[in-house]
Amino acid sequence: MNAPIIDRIAAALAARSPQTLEAPGFKEAAVLVPIQQKDESVHLVLTQRTETLNSHRGQVAFPGGKIERLDPCAEAAALRESHEEIGVAPEHVRVLGQLDQVTAASDYLVTPFVGVLPYPYEFRLNPHETAALFSVPLDALIAEGCFKAEPRRLPPTRRDPIYHFYYERWDIWGATARIILQLLELAYGYRIEK
């Protein structure tokens, strides 16, 4: 447990095969899970989507989106979308590896990639897609009272809870929270009671 957090995450990702899901009819999407080393702590970079978008409007999310026909792979889509949404040049990202796929809403299959960004970094937000950008110290998300699980009511076919992380004024929930749980498990061995 004495290895630096980023090294620990990289080693854990290299030692495992990410879980893929069968989701016929779902739209394929990819996101970048950006982390930065700031002084002694690792920070997670998150965005708030604009209220004008068709899906997930106003929600906290990772940069990313639908995998397009011209994208050579899911990782390329995550990097392309991150460049479009927050101005991160793909060559500035050191991709550590892929996390397990998750579903989002009722029709997206999301493939997340963890990537290290330089710090400081001059982000350029696309005002049509990104309302805000903020960072969270990764270890703040394991603080007592930060995490909450609530029962899911809809759709009736799903029984898994909805996860939330609360940090300052932000409610980080849904698929984004499920991706964060994976990252916290790799970084700190963090587990929740199921």
C-alpha atoms as a PDB file:
ATOM      1  CA  MET A   1       0.000   0.000   0.000  1.00  0.00           C
ATOM      2  CA  ASN A   2       3.032   2.335   0.024  1.00  0.00           C
ATOM      3  CA  ALA A   3       3.238   2.769  -3.761  1.00  0.00           C
ATOM      4  CA  PRO A   4       2.052   6.160  -5.046  1.00  0.00           C
ATOM      5  CA  ILE A   5      -1.646   6.090  -5.933  1.00  0.00           C
ATOM      6  CA  ILE A   6      -1.181   6.548  -9.692  1.00  0.00           C
ATOM      7  CA  ASP A   7       1.389   3.721  -9.792  1.00  0.00           C
ATOM      8  CA  ARG A   8      -0.972   1.527  -7.772  1.00  0.00           C
ATOM      9  CA  ILE A   9      -3.854   2.210 -10.177  1.00  0.00           C
ATOM     10  CA  ALA A  10      -1.639   1.553 -13.220  1.00  0.00           C
ATOM     11  CA  ALA A  11      -0.396  -1.746 -11.781  1.00  0.00           C
ATOM     12  CA  ALA A  12      -3.915  -2.876 -10.848  1.00  0.00           C
ATOM     13  CA  LEU A  13      -5.253  -2.059 -14.319  1.00  0.00           C
ATOM     14  CA  ALA A  14      -2.367  -3.892 -15.994  1.00  0.00           C
ATOM     15  CA  ALA A  15      -2.978  -6.992 -13.857  1.00  0.00           C
ATOM     16  CA  ARG A  16      -6.658  -7.434 -14.667  1.00  0.00           C
ATOM     17  CA  SER A  17      -8.968  -7.939 -17.609  1.00  0.00           C
ATOM     18  CA  PRO A  18     -11.827  -5.435 -17.660  1.00  0.00           C
ATOM     19  CA  GLN A  19     -15.332  -6.871 -17.480  1.00  0.00           C
ATOM     20  CA  THR A  20     -17.435  -6.365 -20.609  1.00  0.00           C
ATOM     21  CA  LEU A  21     -21.216  -6.471 -20.664  1.00  0.00           C
ATOM     22  CA  GLU A  22     -23.691  -7.911 -23.128  1.00  0.00           C
ATOM     23  CA  ALA A  23     -26.163  -5.120 -23.856  1.00  0.00           C
ATOM     24  CA  PRO A  24     -27.926  -5.732 -27.183  1.00  0.00           C
ATOM     25  CA  GLY A  25     -29.478  -2.577 -28.599  1.00  0.00           C
ATOM     26  CA  PHE A  26     -27.506  -0.260 -26.337  1.00  0.00           C
ATOM     27  CA  LYS A  27     -25.550   2.653 -27.840  1.00  0.00           C
ATOM     28  CA  GLU A  28     -21.809   2.303 -27.267  1.00  0.00           C
ATOM     29  CA  ALA A  29     -20.038   5.170 -25.526  1.00  0.00           C
ATOM     30  CA  ALA A  30     -16.625   5.767 -23.977  1.00  0.00           C
ATOM     31  CA  VAL A  31     -15.402   8.144 -21.284  1.00  0.00           C
ATOM     32  CA  LEU A  32     -12.064   9.330 -20.012  1.00  0.00           C
ATOM     33  CA  VAL A  33     -11.572   9.151 -16.244  1.00  0.00           C
ATOM     34  CA  PRO A  34      -8.977  11.934 -15.932  1.00  0.00           C
ATOM     35  CA  ILE A  35      -6.693  12.078 -12.909  1.00  0.00           C
ATOM     36  CA  GLN A  36      -3.986  14.598 -12.028  1.00  0.00           C
ATOM     37  CA  GLN A  37      -1.204  14.576  -9.453  1.00  0.00           C
ATOM     38  CA  LYS A  38      -1.461  17.848  -7.470  1.00  0.00           C
ATOM     39  CA  ASP A  39       1.239  18.170  -4.839  1.00  0.00           C
ATOM     40  CA  GLU A  40       0.825  15.083  -2.643  1.00  0.00           C
ATOM     41  CA  SER A  41      -2.685  14.109  -3.721  1.00  0.00           C
ATOM     42  CA  VAL A  42      -4.365  12.665  -6.784  1.00  0.00           C
ATOM     43  CA  HIS A  43      -7.378  14.575  -8.100  1.00  0.00           C
ATOM     44  CA  LEU A  44     -10.221  13.317 -10.249  1.00  0.00           C
ATOM     45  CA  VAL A  45     -11.383  15.730 -12.978  1.00  0.00           C
ATOM     46  CA  LEU A  46     -15.148  15.877 -13.573  1.00  0.00           C
ATOM     47  CA  THR A  47     -17.497  17.973 -15.686  1.00  0.00           C
ATOM     48  CA  GLN A  48     -21.019  19.236 -15.383  1.00  0.00           C
ATOM     49  CA  ARG A  49     -23.003  18.807 -18.578  1.00  0.00           C
ATOM     50  CA  THR A  50     -24.980  21.778 -19.902  1.00  0.00           C
ATOM     51  CA  GLU A  51     -28.749  21.999 -19.480  1.00  0.00           C
ATOM     52  CA  THR A  52     -29.190  22.150 -23.273  1.00  0.00           C
ATOM     53  CA  LEU A  53     -27.959  18.628 -24.071  1.00  0.00           C
ATOM     54  CA  ASN A  54     -30.404  15.904 -25.101  1.00  0.00           C
ATOM     55  CA  SER A  55     -29.295  13.392 -22.472  1.00  0.00           C
ATOM     56  CA  HIS A  56     -27.930  13.576 -18.914  1.00  0.00           C
ATOM     57  CA  ARG A  57     -28.380  17.367 -18.905  1.00  0.00           C
ATOM     58  CA  GLY A  58     -26.939  19.174 -15.901  1.00  0.00           C
ATOM     59  CA  GLN A  59     -25.382  15.997 -14.504  1.00  0.00           C
ATOM     60  CA  VAL A  60     -21.843  15.504 -13.265  1.00  0.00           C
ATOM     61  CA  ALA A  61     -19.986  13.254 -15.690  1.00  0.00           C
ATOM     62  CA  PHE A  62     -16.648  12.262 -17.109  1.00  0.00           C
ATOM     63  CA  PRO A  63     -15.767  13.707 -20.508  1.00  0.00           C
ATOM     64  CA  GLY A  64     -16.845  11.318 -23.227  1.00  0.00           C
ATOM     65  CA  GLY A  65     -19.689  10.281 -25.445  1.00  0.00           C
ATOM     66  CA  LYS A  66     -20.952   8.058 -28.203  1.00  0.00           C
ATOM     67  CA  ILE A  67     -18.463   5.943 -30.133  1.00  0.00           C
ATOM     68  CA  GLU A  68     -18.677   7.130 -33.741  1.00  0.00           C
ATOM     69  CA  ARG A  69     -18.240   4.971 -36.840  1.00  0.00           C
ATOM     70  CA  LEU A  70     -14.935   6.696 -37.664  1.00  0.00           C
ATOM     71  CA  ASP A  71     -13.423   6.064 -34.206  1.00  0.00           C
ATOM     72  CA  PRO A  72     -10.868   3.246 -34.512  1.00  0.00           C
ATOM     73  CA  CYS A  73     -11.647   2.013 -30.980  1.00  0.00           C
ATOM     74  CA  ALA A  74     -13.384   2.941 -27.726  1.00  0.00           C
ATOM     75  CA  GLU A  75     -10.222   4.520 -26.279  1.00  0.00           C
ATOM     76  CA  ALA A  76      -9.897   6.784 -29.333  1.00  0.00           C
ATOM     77  CA  ALA A  77     -13.532   7.840 -28.883  1.00  0.00           C
ATOM     78  CA  ALA A  78     -12.935   8.738 -25.221  1.00  0.00           C
ATOM     79  CA  LEU A  79      -9.898  10.829 -26.170  1.00  0.00           C
ATOM     80  CA  ARG A  80     -11.703  12.520 -29.086  1.00  0.00           C
ATOM     81  CA  GLU A  81     -14.693  13.408 -26.945  1.00  0.00           C
ATOM     82  CA  SER A  82     -12.438  14.720 -24.143  1.00  0.00           C
ATOM     83  CA  HIS A  83     -10.728  16.986 -26.657  1.00  0.00           C
ATOM     84  CA  GLU A  84     -14.092  18.232 -27.949  1.00  0.00           C
ATOM     85  CA  GLU A  85     -15.628  18.788 -24.495  1.00  0.00           C
ATOM     86  CA  ILE A  86     -12.783  20.101 -22.335  1.00  0.00           C
ATOM     87  CA  GLY A  87      -9.906  20.784 -24.739  1.00  0.00           C
ATOM     88  CA  VAL A  88      -7.559  17.991 -23.643  1.00  0.00           C
ATOM     89  CA  ALA A  89      -5.201  17.068 -26.469  1.00  0.00           C
ATOM     90  CA  PRO A  90      -5.033  13.256 -26.836  1.00  0.00           C
ATOM     91  CA  GLU A  91      -1.225  13.349 -26.819  1.00  0.00           C
ATOM     92  CA  HIS A  92      -1.319  14.946 -23.347  1.00  0.00           C
ATOM     93  CA  VAL A  93      -3.109  11.916 -21.840  1.00  0.00           C
ATOM     94  CA  ARG A  94      -1.202   8.926 -20.463  1.00  0.00           C
ATOM     95  CA  VAL A  95      -3.843   6.189 -20.608  1.00  0.00           C
ATOM     96  CA  LEU A  96      -3.347   3.719 -17.742  1.00  0.00           C
ATOM     97  CA  GLY A  97      -5.987   1.224 -18.802  1.00  0.00           C
ATOM     98  CA  GLN A  98      -9.639   0.314 -19.009  1.00  0.00           C
ATOM     99  CA  LEU A  99     -12.145  -0.154 -16.204  1.00  0.00           C
ATOM    100  CA  ASP A 100     -15.190  -2.445 -16.340  1.00  0.00           C
ATOM    101  CA  GLN A 101     -18.016  -1.404 -18.638  1.00  0.00           C
ATOM    102  CA  VAL A 102     -21.144   0.077 -17.065  1.00  0.00           C
ATOM    103  CA  THR A 103     -24.588   0.928 -18.372  1.00  0.00           C
ATOM    104  CA  ALA A 104     -25.901   4.482 -18.203  1.00  0.00           C
ATOM    105  CA  ALA A 105     -29.559   5.450 -18.219  1.00  0.00           C
ATOM    106  CA  SER A 106     -31.479   2.810 -20.119  1.00  0.00           C
ATOM    107  CA  ASP A 107     -29.641   2.742 -23.406  1.00  0.00           C
ATOM    108  CA  TYR A 108     -25.876   3.414 -23.151  1.00  0.00           C
ATOM    109  CA  LEU A 109     -23.042   0.935 -22.685  1.00  0.00           C
ATOM    110  CA  VAL A 110     -20.047   2.914 -21.407  1.00  0.00           C
ATOM    111  CA  THR A 111     -16.393   1.886 -21.581  1.00  0.00           C
ATOM    112  CA  PRO A 112     -14.235   3.940 -19.150  1.00  0.00           C
ATOM    113  CA  PHE A 113     -10.497   4.608 -19.558  1.00  0.00           C
ATOM    114  CA  VAL A 114      -8.311   6.004 -16.782  1.00  0.00           C
ATOM    115  CA  GLY A 115      -5.852   8.610 -18.004  1.00  0.00           C
ATOM    116  CA  VAL A 116      -3.302  10.864 -16.309  1.00  0.00           C
ATOM    117  CA  LEU A 117      -3.281  14.534 -17.318  1.00  0.00           C
ATOM    118  CA  PRO A 118      -0.446  16.970 -16.662  1.00  0.00           C
ATOM    119  CA  TYR A 119      -0.912  19.443 -13.813  1.00  0.00           C
ATOM    120  CA  PRO A 120      -1.525  22.275 -14.203  1.00  0.00           C
ATOM    121  CA  TYR A 121      -3.503  22.023 -17.418  1.00  0.00           C
ATOM    122  CA  GLU A 122      -5.258  24.733 -19.415  1.00  0.00           C
ATOM    123  CA  PHE A 123      -8.685  23.237 -20.077  1.00  0.00           C
ATOM    124  CA  ARG A 124     -10.895  24.755 -22.792  1.00  0.00           C
ATOM    125  CA  LEU A 125     -14.559  24.047 -22.152  1.00  0.00           C
ATOM    126  CA  ASN A 126     -16.976  23.642 -25.040  1.00  0.00           C
ATOM    127  CA  PRO A 127     -19.874  25.876 -23.862  1.00  0.00           C
ATOM    128  CA  HIS A 128     -22.406  23.817 -25.812  1.00  0.00           C
ATOM    129  CA  GLU A 129     -21.562  20.631 -23.896  1.00  0.00           C
ATOM    130  CA  THR A 130     -19.747  21.525 -20.668  1.00  0.00           C
ATOM    131  CA  ALA A 131     -21.148  23.958 -18.096  1.00  0.00           C
ATOM    132  CA  ALA A 132     -18.380  23.506 -15.504  1.00  0.00           C
ATOM    133  CA  LEU A 133     -15.219  21.576 -14.724  1.00  0.00           C
ATOM    134  CA  PHE A 134     -13.973  20.767 -11.226  1.00  0.00           C
ATOM    135  CA  SER A 135     -11.613  18.391  -9.487  1.00  0.00           C
ATOM    136  CA  VAL A 136     -12.016  16.254  -6.397  1.00  0.00           C
ATOM    137  CA  PRO A 137      -9.185  14.854  -4.272  1.00  0.00           C
ATOM    138  CA  LEU A 138      -9.559  11.113  -4.775  1.00  0.00           C
ATOM    139  CA  ASP A 139      -9.121  10.371  -1.078  1.00  0.00           C
ATOM    140  CA  ALA A 140     -11.952  12.813  -0.212  1.00  0.00           C
ATOM    141  CA  LEU A 141     -14.355  10.362  -1.814  1.00  0.00           C
ATOM    142  CA  ILE A 142     -13.607   7.694   0.799  1.00  0.00           C
ATOM    143  CA  ALA A 143     -14.327  10.065   3.689  1.00  0.00           C
ATOM    144  CA  GLU A 144     -17.122   9.038   6.025  1.00  0.00           C
ATOM    145  CA  GLY A 145     -20.510  10.344   4.902  1.00  0.00           C
ATOM    146  CA  CYS A 146     -19.410  11.036   1.316  1.00  0.00           C
ATOM    147  CA  PHE A 147     -21.026   7.914  -0.172  1.00  0.00           C
ATOM    148  CA  LYS A 148     -24.709   6.971  -0.191  1.00  0.00           C
ATOM    149  CA  ALA A 149     -26.729   4.217  -1.895  1.00  0.00           C
ATOM    150  CA  GLU A 150     -30.448   4.646  -2.514  1.00  0.00           C
ATOM    151  CA  PRO A 151     -32.963   2.064  -3.728  1.00  0.00           C
ATOM    152  CA  ARG A 152     -33.780   2.200  -7.432  1.00  0.00           C
ATOM    153  CA  ARG A 153     -37.463   2.577  -8.265  1.00  0.00           C
ATOM    154  CA  LEU A 154     -37.343   2.658 -12.086  1.00  0.00           C
ATOM    155  CA  PRO A 155     -37.152   0.738 -14.286  1.00  0.00           C
ATOM    156  CA  PRO A 156     -38.771  -2.107 -12.332  1.00  0.00           C
ATOM    157  CA  THR A 157     -36.489  -4.665 -14.009  1.00  0.00           C
ATOM    158  CA  ARG A 158     -33.374  -3.234 -12.301  1.00  0.00           C
ATOM    159  CA  ARG A 159     -32.744  -3.920  -8.638  1.00  0.00           C
ATOM    160  CA  ASP A 160     -29.262  -2.438  -8.207  1.00  0.00           C
ATOM    161  CA  PRO A 161     -29.109   0.724  -6.061  1.00  0.00           C
ATOM    162  CA  ILE A 162     -28.255   4.216  -7.299  1.00  0.00           C
ATOM    163  CA  TYR A 163     -24.906   5.355  -5.895  1.00  0.00           C
ATOM    164  CA  HIS A 164     -24.037   8.937  -4.922  1.00  0.00           C
ATOM    165  CA  PHE A 165     -20.827  10.646  -3.874  1.00  0.00           C
ATOM    166  CA  TYR A 166     -21.229  14.077  -2.288  1.00  0.00           C
ATOM    167  CA  TYR A 167     -18.375  16.549  -2.499  1.00  0.00           C
ATOM    168  CA  GLU A 168     -18.830  20.244  -1.704  1.00  0.00           C
ATOM    169  CA  ARG A 169     -21.891  21.307  -3.759  1.00  0.00           C
ATOM    170  CA  TRP A 170     -21.673  18.379  -6.171  1.00  0.00           C
ATOM    171  CA  ASP A 171     -23.849  15.261  -6.285  1.00  0.00           C
ATOM    172  CA  ILE A 172     -21.902  12.698  -8.324  1.00  0.00           C
ATOM    173  CA  TRP A 173     -24.267   9.838  -9.054  1.00  0.00           C
ATOM    174  CA  GLY A 174     -25.352   7.039 -11.370  1.00  0.00           C
ATOM    175  CA  ALA A 175     -22.916   5.545 -13.872  1.00  0.00           C
ATOM    176  CA  THR A 176     -20.280   8.145 -12.945  1.00  0.00           C
ATOM    177  CA  ALA A 177     -20.436   7.047  -9.308  1.00  0.00           C
ATOM    178  CA  ARG A 178     -20.193   3.367 -10.320  1.00  0.00           C
ATOM    179  CA  ILE A 179     -17.061   4.139 -12.339  1.00  0.00           C
ATOM    180  CA  ILE A 180     -15.588   6.040  -9.378  1.00  0.00           C
ATOM    181  CA  LEU A 181     -16.240   3.042  -7.109  1.00  0.00           C
ATOM    182  CA  GLN A 182     -14.075   0.907  -9.399  1.00  0.00           C
ATOM    183  CA  LEU A 183     -11.276   3.487  -9.280  1.00  0.00           C
ATOM    184  CA  LEU A 184     -11.434   3.730  -5.470  1.00  0.00           C
ATOM    185  CA  GLU A 185     -11.253  -0.053  -5.206  1.00  0.00           C
ATOM    186  CA  LEU A 186      -8.072  -0.093  -7.322  1.00  0.00           C
ATOM    187  CA  ALA A 187      -6.494   2.863  -5.527  1.00  0.00           C
ATOM    188  CA  TYR A 188      -7.411   2.144  -1.908  1.00  0.00           C
ATOM    189  CA  GLY A 189      -9.097  -1.265  -1.738  1.00  0.00           C
ATOM    190  CA  TYR A 190     -12.313   0.661  -0.977  1.00  0.00           C
ATOM    191  CA  ARG A 191     -15.388  -1.568  -0.698  1.00  0.00           C
ATOM    192  CA  ILE A 192     -19.029  -0.893  -0.039  1.00  0.00           C
ATOM    193  CA  GLU A 193     -21.437  -3.244   1.665  1.00  0.00           C
ATOM    194  CA  LYS A 194     -23.831  -4.736  -0.872  1.00  0.00           C
END
